[in-house]
Amino acid sequence: TSLAYLYTNPSGDRFWYDTRPTLRKTVEDRATQISSTDVEYEIERRLRTLRKEPPFAGLHICPSSSLDVTDDQAVRLVILRTGDTYKASAHINKAIETAENILNNRGTSPRIYRNMLAFIAPDQEHMTSLKQEVRRYLAWQSVKNDCEDLNLDAAQNRETDNNLHRSNDTVEMRIKETYCWLLVPYIDRSVDMKTLVWDTLNISGGTDSIVAKSAGKMIQNEALITKWAPAL
């Protein structure tokens, strides 16, 4: 709430309200003005801090094309971009579409070692709330950067730091919640030797990294042994 100052003079009552918006209002306004590109960049920047863990020989984060994913005899985990979302109830998924493209091709050539890739896709609904929180985080960050221009007092600077810290933690938590679909391709031998089937495993929850959770889930499901047999 803004402070209101009351002035009176002989010609009647005059009110003058302090026009400085509250910090929260400033943040809300700034959040709506942040571009989607900046939001996506921030999510990808955070994903890029993930490190590869055994048994993965490589980690490919947000590849812009199938060319970015190496084609060799080593197990690789591909983390899809923010737009390649997965929705459990939908038949057509951007995630599966992109994953199939990477699985079948490397640039203009057909991929040779197709039995070496697994994918992590973000959940479509969770992505919405993740992006909202990232907007809030970037807005608090911009307020912190502009603290002098905004003429913030000590209490407001403290409020900014606290909110920035809290929002940062929330973003980290939401990235884990959002990137929760492990997509493992395999050939259904009961059908034929070329029909591709996707195993979709939810890896949400827990304190481990997205990469460690994927590895654990694949070993537990024997995806790294049976479904990835050379026969593929």
C-alpha atoms as a PDB file:
ATOM      1  CA  THR A   1       0.000   0.000   0.000  1.00  0.00           C
ATOM      2  CA  SER A   2       1.199   3.480  -0.785  1.00  0.00           C
ATOM      3  CA  LEU A   3       1.518   6.121   1.869  1.00  0.00           C
ATOM      4  CA  ALA A   4      -0.990   8.898   1.612  1.00  0.00           C
ATOM      5  CA  TYR A   5      -0.173  12.409   2.767  1.00  0.00           C
ATOM      6  CA  LEU A   6      -2.918  14.796   3.600  1.00  0.00           C
ATOM      7  CA  TYR A   7      -2.515  18.493   2.977  1.00  0.00           C
ATOM      8  CA  THR A   8      -5.049  21.122   3.850  1.00  0.00           C
ATOM      9  CA  ASN A   9      -5.093  24.722   2.816  1.00  0.00           C
ATOM     10  CA  PRO A  10      -7.631  27.533   3.020  1.00  0.00           C
ATOM     11  CA  SER A  11      -9.194  26.723  -0.352  1.00  0.00           C
ATOM     12  CA  GLY A  12     -10.323  23.331   0.846  1.00  0.00           C
ATOM     13  CA  ASP A  13      -9.024  19.831   1.292  1.00  0.00           C
ATOM     14  CA  ARG A  14      -6.267  18.613  -1.022  1.00  0.00           C
ATOM     15  CA  PHE A  15      -5.042  15.070  -1.086  1.00  0.00           C
ATOM     16  CA  TRP A  16      -1.699  13.983  -2.478  1.00  0.00           C
ATOM     17  CA  TYR A  17      -0.892  10.306  -2.716  1.00  0.00           C
ATOM     18  CA  ASP A  18       2.615   8.954  -2.884  1.00  0.00           C
ATOM     19  CA  THR A  19       2.882   7.688  -6.457  1.00  0.00           C
ATOM     20  CA  ARG A  20       5.734   5.238  -5.842  1.00  0.00           C
ATOM     21  CA  PRO A  21       4.403   1.757  -6.566  1.00  0.00           C
ATOM     22  CA  THR A  22       5.117  -0.973  -4.050  1.00  0.00           C
ATOM     23  CA  LEU A  23       7.978  -3.318  -4.789  1.00  0.00           C
ATOM     24  CA  ARG A  24       5.623  -6.221  -5.536  1.00  0.00           C
ATOM     25  CA  LYS A  25       3.695  -4.159  -8.059  1.00  0.00           C
ATOM     26  CA  THR A  26       6.967  -3.214  -9.773  1.00  0.00           C
ATOM     27  CA  VAL A  27       7.949  -6.884  -9.915  1.00  0.00           C
ATOM     28  CA  GLU A  28       4.546  -7.947 -11.279  1.00  0.00           C
ATOM     29  CA  ASP A  29       4.744  -5.294 -13.998  1.00  0.00           C
ATOM     30  CA  ARG A  30       8.288  -6.252 -14.937  1.00  0.00           C
ATOM     31  CA  ALA A  31       7.465  -9.968 -14.995  1.00  0.00           C
ATOM     32  CA  THR A  32       4.849  -9.440 -17.700  1.00  0.00           C
ATOM     33  CA  GLN A  33       7.365  -7.537 -19.824  1.00  0.00           C
ATOM     34  CA  ILE A  34      10.043 -10.250 -19.877  1.00  0.00           C
ATOM     35  CA  SER A  35      10.324 -11.928 -23.281  1.00  0.00           C
ATOM     36  CA  SER A  36       9.671 -15.652 -23.761  1.00  0.00           C
ATOM     37  CA  THR A  37      13.153 -15.899 -25.278  1.00  0.00           C
ATOM     38  CA  ASP A  38      14.718 -14.633 -22.033  1.00  0.00           C
ATOM     39  CA  VAL A  39      12.614 -17.090 -20.021  1.00  0.00           C
ATOM     40  CA  GLU A  40      13.658 -20.042 -22.219  1.00  0.00           C
ATOM     41  CA  TYR A  41      17.292 -18.930 -22.137  1.00  0.00           C
ATOM     42  CA  GLU A  42      17.260 -18.870 -18.328  1.00  0.00           C
ATOM     43  CA  ILE A  43      15.782 -22.394 -18.125  1.00  0.00           C
ATOM     44  CA  GLU A  44      18.350 -23.715 -20.630  1.00  0.00           C
ATOM     45  CA  ARG A  45      21.161 -21.930 -18.766  1.00  0.00           C
ATOM     46  CA  ARG A  46      20.189 -23.796 -15.593  1.00  0.00           C
ATOM     47  CA  LEU A  47      19.825 -27.137 -17.388  1.00  0.00           C
ATOM     48  CA  ARG A  48      23.342 -26.692 -18.759  1.00  0.00           C
ATOM     49  CA  THR A  49      24.718 -26.887 -15.213  1.00  0.00           C
ATOM     50  CA  LEU A  50      23.714 -30.579 -15.143  1.00  0.00           C
ATOM     51  CA  ARG A  51      26.639 -32.968 -15.382  1.00  0.00           C
ATOM     52  CA  LYS A  52      26.808 -36.367 -17.023  1.00  0.00           C
ATOM     53  CA  GLU A  53      26.851 -39.330 -14.679  1.00  0.00           C
ATOM     54  CA  PRO A  54      27.519 -43.010 -15.333  1.00  0.00           C
ATOM     55  CA  PRO A  55      26.352 -45.019 -17.220  1.00  0.00           C
ATOM     56  CA  PHE A  56      25.872 -42.159 -19.690  1.00  0.00           C
ATOM     57  CA  ALA A  57      28.844 -41.441 -21.919  1.00  0.00           C
ATOM     58  CA  GLY A  58      27.360 -38.140 -22.969  1.00  0.00           C
ATOM     59  CA  LEU A  59      24.748 -35.591 -21.964  1.00  0.00           C
ATOM     60  CA  HIS A  60      23.161 -33.464 -24.684  1.00  0.00           C
ATOM     61  CA  ILE A  61      21.296 -30.485 -23.307  1.00  0.00           C
ATOM     62  CA  CYS A  62      18.657 -28.713 -25.400  1.00  0.00           C
ATOM     63  CA  PRO A  63      20.057 -29.718 -28.814  1.00  0.00           C
ATOM     64  CA  SER A  64      18.938 -27.324 -31.540  1.00  0.00           C
ATOM     65  CA  SER A  65      19.068 -30.125 -34.128  1.00  0.00           C
ATOM     66  CA  SER A  66      19.759 -33.853 -34.445  1.00  0.00           C
ATOM     67  CA  LEU A  67      23.242 -32.920 -35.636  1.00  0.00           C
ATOM     68  CA  ASP A  68      24.128 -31.869 -32.067  1.00  0.00           C
ATOM     69  CA  VAL A  69      23.747 -35.441 -30.804  1.00  0.00           C
ATOM     70  CA  THR A  70      26.779 -37.659 -31.467  1.00  0.00           C
ATOM     71  CA  ASP A  71      26.217 -40.958 -33.261  1.00  0.00           C
ATOM     72  CA  ASP A  72      28.474 -43.608 -31.725  1.00  0.00           C
ATOM     73  CA  GLN A  73      28.441 -46.780 -29.629  1.00  0.00           C
ATOM     74  CA  ALA A  74      27.950 -45.054 -26.291  1.00  0.00           C
ATOM     75  CA  VAL A  75      24.829 -44.468 -24.232  1.00  0.00           C
ATOM     76  CA  ARG A  76      23.713 -40.840 -24.361  1.00  0.00           C
ATOM     77  CA  LEU A  77      21.033 -38.895 -22.559  1.00  0.00           C
ATOM     78  CA  VAL A  78      19.323 -36.074 -24.430  1.00  0.00           C
ATOM     79  CA  ILE A  79      17.516 -33.362 -22.479  1.00  0.00           C
ATOM     80  CA  LEU A  80      14.924 -31.780 -24.734  1.00  0.00           C
ATOM     81  CA  ARG A  81      14.267 -28.064 -25.132  1.00  0.00           C
ATOM     82  CA  THR A  82      11.546 -26.125 -23.320  1.00  0.00           C
ATOM     83  CA  GLY A  83       9.220 -26.286 -26.335  1.00  0.00           C
ATOM     84  CA  ASP A  84       9.421 -30.068 -26.659  1.00  0.00           C
ATOM     85  CA  THR A  85       6.879 -30.811 -23.977  1.00  0.00           C
ATOM     86  CA  TYR A  86       5.260 -34.127 -23.137  1.00  0.00           C
ATOM     87  CA  LYS A  87       1.633 -34.553 -22.151  1.00  0.00           C
ATOM     88  CA  ALA A  88       0.634 -37.986 -20.923  1.00  0.00           C
ATOM     89  CA  SER A  89      -2.953 -37.768 -22.190  1.00  0.00           C
ATOM     90  CA  ALA A  90      -2.098 -36.510 -25.691  1.00  0.00           C
ATOM     91  CA  HIS A  91      -1.483 -38.752 -28.684  1.00  0.00           C
ATOM     92  CA  ILE A  92       0.621 -36.198 -30.505  1.00  0.00           C
ATOM     93  CA  ASN A  93       3.497 -34.981 -28.424  1.00  0.00           C
ATOM     94  CA  LYS A  94       6.129 -32.474 -29.443  1.00  0.00           C
ATOM     95  CA  ALA A  95       8.534 -34.426 -27.201  1.00  0.00           C
ATOM     96  CA  ILE A  96       8.082 -37.738 -29.026  1.00  0.00           C
ATOM     97  CA  GLU A  97       8.190 -35.978 -32.412  1.00  0.00           C
ATOM     98  CA  THR A  98      11.545 -34.334 -31.619  1.00  0.00           C
ATOM     99  CA  ALA A  99      12.943 -37.463 -29.958  1.00  0.00           C
ATOM    100  CA  GLU A 100      12.028 -39.602 -32.993  1.00  0.00           C
ATOM    101  CA  ASN A 101      13.672 -37.124 -35.313  1.00  0.00           C
ATOM    102  CA  ILE A 102      16.914 -37.196 -33.277  1.00  0.00           C
ATOM    103  CA  LEU A 103      16.716 -40.984 -32.942  1.00  0.00           C
ATOM    104  CA  ASN A 104      16.308 -41.563 -36.692  1.00  0.00           C
ATOM    105  CA  ASN A 105      18.669 -38.929 -38.037  1.00  0.00           C
ATOM    106  CA  ARG A 106      21.881 -37.122 -37.450  1.00  0.00           C
ATOM    107  CA  GLY A 107      21.508 -34.048 -39.616  1.00  0.00           C
ATOM    108  CA  THR A 108      20.784 -35.285 -43.140  1.00  0.00           C
ATOM    109  CA  SER A 109      22.177 -38.800 -42.539  1.00  0.00           C
ATOM    110  CA  PRO A 110      20.295 -41.696 -40.971  1.00  0.00           C
ATOM    111  CA  ARG A 111      21.487 -42.422 -37.437  1.00  0.00           C
ATOM    112  CA  ILE A 112      23.428 -45.681 -37.141  1.00  0.00           C
ATOM    113  CA  TYR A 113      23.475 -46.314 -33.363  1.00  0.00           C
ATOM    114  CA  ARG A 114      19.814 -45.773 -32.578  1.00  0.00           C
ATOM    115  CA  ASN A 115      19.936 -48.056 -29.548  1.00  0.00           C
ATOM    116  CA  MET A 116      22.170 -45.639 -27.659  1.00  0.00           C
ATOM    117  CA  LEU A 117      19.795 -42.782 -26.870  1.00  0.00           C
ATOM    118  CA  ALA A 118      17.323 -41.952 -24.120  1.00  0.00           C
ATOM    119  CA  PHE A 119      15.515 -38.637 -23.698  1.00  0.00           C
ATOM    120  CA  ILE A 120      14.201 -36.439 -20.926  1.00  0.00           C
ATOM    121  CA  ALA A 121      11.182 -34.307 -21.789  1.00  0.00           C
ATOM    122  CA  PRO A 122       9.497 -31.535 -19.806  1.00  0.00           C
ATOM    123  CA  ASP A 123       5.882 -31.942 -18.741  1.00  0.00           C
ATOM    124  CA  GLN A 124       3.554 -29.620 -20.636  1.00  0.00           C
ATOM    125  CA  GLU A 125       1.489 -28.456 -17.658  1.00  0.00           C
ATOM    126  CA  HIS A 126       4.437 -28.061 -15.292  1.00  0.00           C
ATOM    127  CA  MET A 127       6.247 -26.009 -17.943  1.00  0.00           C
ATOM    128  CA  THR A 128       3.623 -23.268 -17.612  1.00  0.00           C
ATOM    129  CA  SER A 129       4.212 -22.778 -13.879  1.00  0.00           C
ATOM    130  CA  LEU A 130       7.989 -23.099 -14.319  1.00  0.00           C
ATOM    131  CA  LYS A 131       7.960 -20.265 -16.871  1.00  0.00           C
ATOM    132  CA  GLN A 132       5.812 -18.112 -14.561  1.00  0.00           C
ATOM    133  CA  GLU A 133       8.315 -18.540 -11.732  1.00  0.00           C
ATOM    134  CA  VAL A 134      11.255 -17.813 -14.049  1.00  0.00           C
ATOM    135  CA  ARG A 135       9.548 -14.549 -15.063  1.00  0.00           C
ATOM    136  CA  ARG A 136       9.189 -13.656 -11.386  1.00  0.00           C
ATOM    137  CA  TYR A 137      12.824 -14.531 -10.708  1.00  0.00           C
ATOM    138  CA  LEU A 138      14.095 -12.417 -13.624  1.00  0.00           C
ATOM    139  CA  ALA A 139      11.865  -9.545 -12.519  1.00  0.00           C
ATOM    140  CA  TRP A 140      13.316  -9.609  -8.974  1.00  0.00           C
ATOM    141  CA  GLN A 141      16.785  -9.792 -10.500  1.00  0.00           C
ATOM    142  CA  SER A 142      16.107  -6.694 -12.608  1.00  0.00           C
ATOM    143  CA  VAL A 143      14.843  -4.840  -9.519  1.00  0.00           C
ATOM    144  CA  LYS A 144      18.057  -5.761  -7.703  1.00  0.00           C
ATOM    145  CA  ASN A 145      20.127  -4.491 -10.655  1.00  0.00           C
ATOM    146  CA  ASP A 146      18.145  -1.243 -10.752  1.00  0.00           C
ATOM    147  CA  CYS A 147      18.044  -0.678  -6.977  1.00  0.00           C
ATOM    148  CA  GLU A 148      19.719   2.728  -7.293  1.00  0.00           C
ATOM    149  CA  ASP A 149      17.458   4.001 -10.066  1.00  0.00           C
ATOM    150  CA  LEU A 150      14.442   2.734  -8.120  1.00  0.00           C
ATOM    151  CA  ASN A 151      15.772   4.504  -5.029  1.00  0.00           C
ATOM    152  CA  LEU A 152      15.189   1.493  -2.785  1.00  0.00           C
ATOM    153  CA  ASP A 153      15.667   1.865   0.934  1.00  0.00           C
ATOM    154  CA  ALA A 154      17.384  -0.697   3.184  1.00  0.00           C
ATOM    155  CA  ALA A 155      14.165  -2.575   3.952  1.00  0.00           C
ATOM    156  CA  GLN A 156      13.282  -2.792   0.256  1.00  0.00           C
ATOM    157  CA  ASN A 157      16.779  -4.030  -0.610  1.00  0.00           C
ATOM    158  CA  ARG A 158      16.398  -6.746   2.026  1.00  0.00           C
ATOM    159  CA  GLU A 159      12.972  -7.667   0.649  1.00  0.00           C
ATOM    160  CA  THR A 160      14.475  -7.887  -2.856  1.00  0.00           C
ATOM    161  CA  ASP A 161      17.318 -10.158  -1.736  1.00  0.00           C
ATOM    162  CA  ASN A 162      14.963 -12.446   0.197  1.00  0.00           C
ATOM    163  CA  ASN A 163      12.536 -12.755  -2.692  1.00  0.00           C
ATOM    164  CA  LEU A 164      15.300 -13.308  -5.229  1.00  0.00           C
ATOM    165  CA  HIS A 165      16.725 -16.107  -3.081  1.00  0.00           C
ATOM    166  CA  ARG A 166      13.322 -17.699  -2.538  1.00  0.00           C
ATOM    167  CA  SER A 167      12.385 -17.440  -6.204  1.00  0.00           C
ATOM    168  CA  ASN A 168      15.702 -18.964  -7.253  1.00  0.00           C
ATOM    169  CA  ASP A 169      15.038 -22.014  -5.039  1.00  0.00           C
ATOM    170  CA  THR A 170      11.512 -22.341  -6.422  1.00  0.00           C
ATOM    171  CA  VAL A 171      12.800 -22.249 -10.008  1.00  0.00           C
ATOM    172  CA  GLU A 172      15.312 -25.021  -9.222  1.00  0.00           C
ATOM    173  CA  MET A 173      12.580 -27.126  -7.644  1.00  0.00           C
ATOM    174  CA  ARG A 174      10.211 -26.564 -10.569  1.00  0.00           C
ATOM    175  CA  ILE A 175      12.854 -27.515 -13.151  1.00  0.00           C
ATOM    176  CA  LYS A 176      13.136 -30.892 -11.405  1.00  0.00           C
ATOM    177  CA  GLU A 177       9.351 -31.267 -11.307  1.00  0.00           C
ATOM    178  CA  THR A 178       8.982 -30.243 -14.952  1.00  0.00           C
ATOM    179  CA  TYR A 179      11.734 -32.336 -16.541  1.00  0.00           C
ATOM    180  CA  CYS A 180      10.134 -35.540 -15.298  1.00  0.00           C
ATOM    181  CA  TRP A 181       9.557 -37.721 -18.371  1.00  0.00           C
ATOM    182  CA  LEU A 182      12.174 -40.264 -19.310  1.00  0.00           C
ATOM    183  CA  LEU A 183      11.523 -41.500 -22.855  1.00  0.00           C
ATOM    184  CA  VAL A 184      13.237 -44.766 -23.723  1.00  0.00           C
ATOM    185  CA  PRO A 185      12.845 -46.156 -27.244  1.00  0.00           C
ATOM    186  CA  TYR A 186      12.780 -49.870 -27.921  1.00  0.00           C
ATOM    187  CA  ILE A 187      11.759 -52.306 -30.626  1.00  0.00           C
ATOM    188  CA  ASP A 188       8.728 -54.404 -29.840  1.00  0.00           C
ATOM    189  CA  ARG A 189       9.897 -57.804 -31.051  1.00  0.00           C
ATOM    190  CA  SER A 190       6.452 -59.313 -30.620  1.00  0.00           C
ATOM    191  CA  VAL A 191       5.343 -57.055 -33.507  1.00  0.00           C
ATOM    192  CA  ASP A 192       8.368 -56.995 -35.830  1.00  0.00           C
ATOM    193  CA  MET A 193      11.984 -55.875 -35.894  1.00  0.00           C
ATOM    194  CA  LYS A 194      11.372 -52.270 -36.806  1.00  0.00           C
ATOM    195  CA  THR A 195       8.322 -50.901 -34.980  1.00  0.00           C
ATOM    196  CA  LEU A 196       9.513 -48.353 -32.469  1.00  0.00           C
ATOM    197  CA  VAL A 197       7.782 -48.165 -29.109  1.00  0.00           C
ATOM    198  CA  TRP A 198       8.382 -45.547 -26.419  1.00  0.00           C
ATOM    199  CA  ASP A 199       8.615 -46.412 -22.777  1.00  0.00           C
ATOM    200  CA  THR A 200       7.582 -43.263 -20.873  1.00  0.00           C
ATOM    201  CA  LEU A 201       8.712 -43.253 -17.276  1.00  0.00           C
ATOM    202  CA  ASN A 202       7.935 -40.567 -14.727  1.00  0.00           C
ATOM    203  CA  ILE A 203      11.055 -39.716 -12.708  1.00  0.00           C
ATOM    204  CA  SER A 204       9.645 -36.896 -10.560  1.00  0.00           C
ATOM    205  CA  GLY A 205      10.397 -36.642  -6.842  1.00  0.00           C
ATOM    206  CA  GLY A 206      13.544 -37.306  -4.853  1.00  0.00           C
ATOM    207  CA  THR A 207      16.617 -35.169  -4.279  1.00  0.00           C
ATOM    208  CA  ASP A 208      18.892 -36.668  -6.942  1.00  0.00           C
ATOM    209  CA  SER A 209      19.686 -34.801 -10.143  1.00  0.00           C
ATOM    210  CA  ILE A 210      17.572 -35.381 -13.250  1.00  0.00           C
ATOM    211  CA  VAL A 211      20.503 -37.309 -14.772  1.00  0.00           C
ATOM    212  CA  ALA A 212      21.027 -39.587 -11.751  1.00  0.00           C
ATOM    213  CA  LYS A 213      17.285 -40.294 -11.525  1.00  0.00           C
ATOM    214  CA  SER A 214      17.212 -41.269 -15.215  1.00  0.00           C
ATOM    215  CA  ALA A 215      20.158 -43.616 -14.789  1.00  0.00           C
ATOM    216  CA  GLY A 216      18.594 -45.204 -11.705  1.00  0.00           C
ATOM    217  CA  LYS A 217      15.232 -45.665 -13.403  1.00  0.00           C
ATOM    218  CA  MET A 218      16.779 -47.223 -16.516  1.00  0.00           C
ATOM    219  CA  ILE A 219      18.914 -49.662 -14.541  1.00  0.00           C
ATOM    220  CA  GLN A 220      15.943 -50.562 -12.338  1.00  0.00           C
ATOM    221  CA  ASN A 221      13.789 -51.197 -15.432  1.00  0.00           C
ATOM    222  CA  GLU A 222      16.639 -53.038 -17.138  1.00  0.00           C
ATOM    223  CA  ALA A 223      16.300 -50.590 -20.011  1.00  0.00           C
ATOM    224  CA  LEU A 224      20.057 -50.481 -20.208  1.00  0.00           C
ATOM    225  CA  ILE A 225      20.298 -54.229 -20.641  1.00  0.00           C
ATOM    226  CA  THR A 226      17.313 -55.852 -22.356  1.00  0.00           C
ATOM    227  CA  LYS A 227      15.768 -53.136 -24.450  1.00  0.00           C
ATOM    228  CA  TRP A 228      19.086 -51.784 -25.604  1.00  0.00           C
ATOM    229  CA  ALA A 229      20.318 -55.158 -26.873  1.00  0.00           C
ATOM    230  CA  PRO A 230      22.492 -55.126 -30.028  1.00  0.00           C
ATOM    231  CA  ALA A 231      19.600 -56.786 -31.883  1.00  0.00           C
ATOM    232  CA  LEU A 232      18.036 -53.335 -32.199  1.00  0.00           C
END
